[in-house]
C-alpha atoms as a PDB file:
ATOM      1  CA  MET A   1       0.000   0.000   0.000  1.00  0.00           C
ATOM      2  CA  LYS A   2       2.891   2.370   0.750  1.00  0.00           C
ATOM      3  CA  ILE A   3       4.328   1.651  -2.678  1.00  0.00           C
ATOM      4  CA  GLN A   4       1.052   2.727  -4.309  1.00  0.00           C
ATOM      5  CA  LEU A   5       0.914   5.912  -2.223  1.00  0.00           C
ATOM      6  CA  ARG A   6       4.459   6.866  -3.237  1.00  0.00           C
ATOM      7  CA  ASP A   7       4.230   5.667  -6.831  1.00  0.00           C
ATOM      8  CA  PRO A   8       0.638   5.240  -8.077  1.00  0.00           C
ATOM      9  CA  GLY A   9       0.399   2.535 -10.702  1.00  0.00           C
ATOM     10  CA  ALA A  10       3.690   0.891  -9.704  1.00  0.00           C
ATOM     11  CA  LYS A  11       3.709  -2.872 -10.055  1.00  0.00           C
ATOM     12  CA  ALA A  12       5.448  -5.295  -7.698  1.00  0.00           C
ATOM     13  CA  LEU A  13       6.574  -8.919  -7.731  1.00  0.00           C
ATOM     14  CA  VAL A  14       6.359 -10.713  -4.381  1.00  0.00           C
ATOM     15  CA  PHE A  15       8.624 -13.760  -4.078  1.00  0.00           C
ATOM     16  CA  SER A  16       8.577 -16.436  -1.397  1.00  0.00           C
ATOM     17  CA  THR A  17      10.175 -19.827  -1.136  1.00  0.00           C
ATOM     18  CA  TRP A  18       7.058 -21.118   0.621  1.00  0.00           C
ATOM     19  CA  GLN A  19       3.606 -21.471  -0.958  1.00  0.00           C
ATOM     20  CA  ASP A  20       2.009 -21.234   2.502  1.00  0.00           C
ATOM     21  CA  VAL A  21       3.528 -17.765   2.950  1.00  0.00           C
ATOM     22  CA  LEU A  22       2.153 -16.665  -0.429  1.00  0.00           C
ATOM     23  CA  ASP A  23      -1.261 -18.018   0.592  1.00  0.00           C
ATOM     24  CA  ILE A  24      -1.169 -15.898   3.774  1.00  0.00           C
ATOM     25  CA  ILE A  25      -0.221 -12.820   1.743  1.00  0.00           C
ATOM     26  CA  SER A  26      -2.979 -13.660  -0.734  1.00  0.00           C
ATOM     27  CA  LYS A  27      -5.553 -13.752   2.075  1.00  0.00           C
ATOM     28  CA  ALA A  28      -4.305 -10.431   3.486  1.00  0.00           C
ATOM     29  CA  LEU A  29      -4.560  -8.791   0.069  1.00  0.00           C
ATOM     30  CA  THR A  30      -8.057 -10.203  -0.463  1.00  0.00           C
ATOM     31  CA  ASP A  31      -9.158  -9.081   3.026  1.00  0.00           C
ATOM     32  CA  ASN A  32      -7.963  -5.555   2.192  1.00  0.00           C
ATOM     33  CA  ASN A  33      -9.636  -5.494  -1.240  1.00  0.00           C
ATOM     34  CA  ILE A  34      -6.329  -5.264  -3.087  1.00  0.00           C
ATOM     35  CA  GLU A  35      -6.310  -6.744  -6.588  1.00  0.00           C
ATOM     36  CA  PHE A  36      -3.451  -9.131  -7.359  1.00  0.00           C
ATOM     37  CA  ALA A  37      -2.476 -12.090  -9.495  1.00  0.00           C
ATOM     38  CA  GLN A  38      -0.869 -15.254  -8.206  1.00  0.00           C
ATOM     39  CA  ILE A  39       1.131 -17.851 -10.047  1.00  0.00           C
ATOM     40  CA  SER A  40       0.956 -21.151  -8.248  1.00  0.00           C
ATOM     41  CA  ARG A  41       0.036 -23.623 -10.977  1.00  0.00           C
ATOM     42  CA  VAL A  42       1.292 -24.136 -14.506  1.00  0.00           C
ATOM     43  CA  LYS A  43      -2.328 -24.310 -15.713  1.00  0.00           C
ATOM     44  CA  THR A  44      -3.084 -20.647 -14.912  1.00  0.00           C
ATOM     45  CA  PHE A  45       0.456 -19.336 -15.365  1.00  0.00           C
ATOM     46  CA  GLN A  46       0.067 -17.437 -18.660  1.00  0.00           C
ATOM     47  CA  GLU A  47      -3.409 -16.149 -17.819  1.00  0.00           C
ATOM     48  CA  ASN A  48      -2.324 -14.679 -14.470  1.00  0.00           C
ATOM     49  CA  LEU A  49       0.950 -13.318 -15.847  1.00  0.00           C
ATOM     50  CA  SER A  50      -0.926 -11.599 -18.673  1.00  0.00           C
ATOM     51  CA  ALA A  51      -3.457 -10.121 -16.227  1.00  0.00           C
ATOM     52  CA  PHE A  52      -0.617  -8.672 -14.153  1.00  0.00           C
ATOM     53  CA  LYS A  53       1.127  -7.229 -17.192  1.00  0.00           C
ATOM     54  CA  HIS A  54      -1.921  -5.704 -18.891  1.00  0.00           C
ATOM     55  CA  ASP A  55      -4.576  -4.955 -16.249  1.00  0.00           C
ATOM     56  CA  PRO A  56      -3.926  -1.561 -14.621  1.00  0.00           C
ATOM     57  CA  GLU A  57      -5.936  -2.661 -11.560  1.00  0.00           C
ATOM     58  CA  ILE A  58      -3.582  -5.576 -10.818  1.00  0.00           C
ATOM     59  CA  ASN A  59      -0.340  -4.223  -9.378  1.00  0.00           C
ATOM     60  CA  ILE A  60       0.898  -7.225  -7.392  1.00  0.00           C
ATOM     61  CA  LEU A  61       2.044 -10.619  -8.640  1.00  0.00           C
ATOM     62  CA  LEU A  62       2.713 -13.370  -6.089  1.00  0.00           C
ATOM     63  CA  LEU A  63       5.331 -15.854  -7.250  1.00  0.00           C
ATOM     64  CA  PRO A  64       6.913 -18.930  -5.698  1.00  0.00           C
ATOM     65  CA  LEU A  65      10.669 -18.566  -6.034  1.00  0.00           C
ATOM     66  CA  HIS A  66      11.115 -21.912  -7.825  1.00  0.00           C
ATOM     67  CA  ILE A  67       8.678 -20.925 -10.601  1.00  0.00           C
ATOM     68  CA  GLY A  68       9.034 -17.190 -10.895  1.00  0.00           C
ATOM     69  CA  SER A  69      12.745 -16.609 -10.632  1.00  0.00           C
ATOM     70  CA  ASN A  70      13.829 -18.149 -13.933  1.00  0.00           C
ATOM     71  CA  GLY A  71      13.377 -17.125 -17.531  1.00  0.00           C
ATOM     72  CA  LEU A  72      10.609 -14.542 -17.195  1.00  0.00           C
ATOM     73  CA  THR A  73      10.739 -10.948 -18.343  1.00  0.00           C
ATOM     74  CA  ILE A  74       8.389  -8.822 -16.272  1.00  0.00           C
ATOM     75  CA  ILE A  75       9.586  -5.265 -16.882  1.00  0.00           C
ATOM     76  CA  GLU A  76       6.108  -3.929 -16.120  1.00  0.00           C
ATOM     77  CA  ALA A  77       7.101  -4.215 -12.453  1.00  0.00           C
ATOM     78  CA  THR A  78       9.514  -1.865 -10.723  1.00  0.00           C
ATOM     79  CA  HIS A  79       9.464  -3.334  -7.218  1.00  0.00           C
ATOM     80  CA  VAL A  80      10.664  -6.763  -6.073  1.00  0.00           C
ATOM     81  CA  LEU A  81       9.654  -7.913  -2.593  1.00  0.00           C
ATOM     82  CA  LEU A  82      11.620 -10.817  -1.111  1.00  0.00           C
ATOM     83  CA  VAL A  83       9.432 -12.001   1.751  1.00  0.00           C
ATOM     84  CA  GLU A  84      12.128 -14.028   3.486  1.00  0.00           C
ATOM     85  CA  PRO A  85      15.891 -14.257   3.073  1.00  0.00           C
ATOM     86  CA  ILE A  86      16.992 -16.227   0.047  1.00  0.00           C
ATOM     87  CA  LEU A  87      20.112 -18.091   1.065  1.00  0.00           C
ATOM     88  CA  ASN A  88      21.319 -18.760  -2.456  1.00  0.00           C
ATOM     89  CA  PRO A  89      22.553 -15.437  -3.905  1.00  0.00           C
ATOM     90  CA  ALA A  90      22.123 -16.769  -7.457  1.00  0.00           C
ATOM     91  CA  HIS A  91      18.403 -17.402  -6.843  1.00  0.00           C
ATOM     92  CA  GLU A  92      18.007 -13.922  -5.372  1.00  0.00           C
ATOM     93  CA  LEU A  93      19.688 -12.357  -8.406  1.00  0.00           C
ATOM     94  CA  GLN A  94      17.458 -14.418 -10.702  1.00  0.00           C
ATOM     95  CA  ALA A  95      14.337 -13.146  -8.906  1.00  0.00           C
ATOM     96  CA  ILE A  96      15.482  -9.530  -9.143  1.00  0.00           C
ATOM     97  CA  GLY A  97      16.487 -10.136 -12.748  1.00  0.00           C
ATOM     98  CA  ARG A  98      12.843 -10.676 -13.749  1.00  0.00           C
ATOM     99  CA  VAL A  99      12.406  -6.903 -13.440  1.00  0.00           C
ATOM    100  CA  HIS A 100      15.918  -5.504 -13.819  1.00  0.00           C
ATOM    101  CA  ARG A 101      16.695  -6.449 -17.404  1.00  0.00           C
ATOM    102  CA  ILE A 102      17.053  -5.065 -20.911  1.00  0.00           C
ATOM    103  CA  GLY A 103      14.006  -2.980 -21.744  1.00  0.00           C
ATOM    104  CA  GLN A 104      13.442  -1.762 -18.189  1.00  0.00           C
ATOM    105  CA  THR A 105      13.302   2.037 -18.294  1.00  0.00           C
ATOM    106  CA  LYS A 106      12.654   2.668 -14.600  1.00  0.00           C
ATOM    107  CA  PRO A 107      14.754   1.972 -11.505  1.00  0.00           C
ATOM    108  CA  THR A 108      14.265  -1.422  -9.877  1.00  0.00           C
ATOM    109  CA  ILE A 109      13.632  -1.234  -6.139  1.00  0.00           C
ATOM    110  CA  VAL A 110      14.234  -4.344  -4.026  1.00  0.00           C
ATOM    111  CA  HIS A 111      12.552  -4.738  -0.637  1.00  0.00           C
ATOM    112  CA  ARG A 112      13.937  -7.460   1.660  1.00  0.00           C
ATOM    113  CA  PHE A 113      12.109  -8.613   4.771  1.00  0.00           C
ATOM    114  CA  LEU A 114      13.788 -10.009   7.896  1.00  0.00           C
ATOM    115  CA  ILE A 115      12.380 -10.850  11.294  1.00  0.00           C
ATOM    116  CA  LYS A 116      14.398  -8.946  13.891  1.00  0.00           C
ATOM    117  CA  ALA A 117      16.283 -10.761  16.627  1.00  0.00           C
ATOM    118  CA  THR A 118      16.019 -14.132  14.885  1.00  0.00           C
ATOM    119  CA  ILE A 119      18.402 -16.459  13.146  1.00  0.00           C
ATOM    120  CA  GLU A 120      17.348 -14.796   9.860  1.00  0.00           C
ATOM    121  CA  GLU A 121      18.992 -11.546  10.879  1.00  0.00           C
ATOM    122  CA  ARG A 122      22.249 -13.227  11.897  1.00  0.00           C
ATOM    123  CA  MET A 123      22.314 -15.389   8.757  1.00  0.00           C
ATOM    124  CA  GLN A 124      21.870 -12.307   6.581  1.00  0.00           C
ATOM    125  CA  ALA A 125      24.742 -10.558   8.377  1.00  0.00           C
ATOM    126  CA  MET A 126      26.985 -13.594   7.856  1.00  0.00           C
ATOM    127  CA  LEU A 127      26.076 -13.810   4.170  1.00  0.00           C
ATOM    128  CA  LYS A 128      26.828 -10.106   3.680  1.00  0.00           C
ATOM    129  CA  THR A 129      30.198 -10.514   5.391  1.00  0.00           C
ATOM    130  CA  ALA A 130      31.023 -13.495   3.179  1.00  0.00           C
ATOM    131  CA  GLU A 131      29.868 -11.611   0.086  1.00  0.00           C
ATOM    132  CA  ARG A 132      31.972  -8.552   0.981  1.00  0.00           C
ATOM    133  CA  SER A 133      35.024 -10.719   1.561  1.00  0.00           C
ATOM    134  CA  HIS A 134      34.495 -12.467  -1.747  1.00  0.00           C
ATOM    135  CA  THR A 135      34.041  -9.141  -3.576  1.00  0.00           C
ATOM    136  CA  ASN A 136      37.145  -7.646  -1.952  1.00  0.00           C
ATOM    137  CA  SER A 137      39.374 -10.570  -2.867  1.00  0.00           C
ATOM    138  CA  SER A 138      41.225 -10.209  -6.151  1.00  0.00           C
ATOM    139  CA  GLY A 139      39.362 -12.939  -7.976  1.00  0.00           C
ATOM    140  CA  LYS A 140      40.864 -15.590  -5.719  1.00  0.00           C
ATOM    141  CA  HIS A 141      38.741 -17.636  -3.371  1.00  0.00           C
ATOM    142  CA  SER A 142      39.479 -16.335   0.111  1.00  0.00           C
ATOM    143  CA  GLU A 143      38.896 -18.317   3.277  1.00  0.00           C
ATOM    144  CA  ALA A 144      36.978 -15.358   4.714  1.00  0.00           C
ATOM    145  CA  SER A 145      34.306 -15.725   2.025  1.00  0.00           C
ATOM    146  CA  VAL A 146      33.352 -19.230   3.124  1.00  0.00           C
ATOM    147  CA  LEU A 147      30.826 -19.915   5.852  1.00  0.00           C
ATOM    148  CA  THR A 148      32.262 -22.624   8.051  1.00  0.00           C
ATOM    149  CA  VAL A 149      30.650 -25.278  10.209  1.00  0.00           C
ATOM    150  CA  ALA A 150      31.843 -23.217  13.192  1.00  0.00           C
ATOM    151  CA  ASP A 151      29.924 -20.198  11.831  1.00  0.00           C
ATOM    152  CA  LEU A 152      26.758 -22.282  11.577  1.00  0.00           C
ATOM    153  CA  ALA A 153      27.270 -23.746  15.046  1.00  0.00           C
ATOM    154  CA  ASP A 154      27.676 -20.197  16.352  1.00  0.00           C
ATOM    155  CA  LEU A 155      24.363 -19.236  14.740  1.00  0.00           C
ATOM    156  CA  PHE A 156      22.496 -21.982  16.527  1.00  0.00           C
ATOM    157  CA  THR A 157      24.351 -21.500  19.813  1.00  0.00           C
ATOM    158  CA  LYS A 158      23.371 -17.819  19.901  1.00  0.00           C
ATOM    159  CA  GLU A 159      19.796 -18.746  18.995  1.00  0.00           C
ATOM    160  CA  THR A 160      19.614 -21.220  21.880  1.00  0.00           C
ATOM    161  CA  GLU A 161      21.177 -18.789  24.359  1.00  0.00           C
ATOM    162  CA  GLU A 162      18.690 -16.056  23.424  1.00  0.00           C
ATOM    163  CA  LEU A 163      15.729 -18.384  23.909  1.00  0.00           C
ATOM    164  CA  GLU A 164      16.732 -19.289  27.460  1.00  0.00           C
END
């Protein structure tokens, strides 16, 4: 809703790894009388994609990551919402790439959602650190850019300590 207030007519893709999460978002949109299209089955794929692209009343397209992140060109959208962290950077780039591609004339805005004070937040911080280390290295694979078993153990140890 904030996107529409700031940029009337803007279209957004909403990606989630989990169909159940998309179903919850779908219900919330329906409950708030917000028009949207959802791609969840191959049978209605083209019909719903076309509705999103051509119907000015439909500004939101809900997509499961495994279906919607590959091979589609959806330059009608300018916003990409990633409902939960995507742990594989290549999949995240593929999702964003549906909008940010040749033919796009407007800026692409990516919105990432994290739940504060959870393992999601710490995992995202670790991934950013690894990504920065990898980017800073001169094309060589640096040890700092690899998440180790100790890093993962630390994630779960902190999670357990915070719950107690």
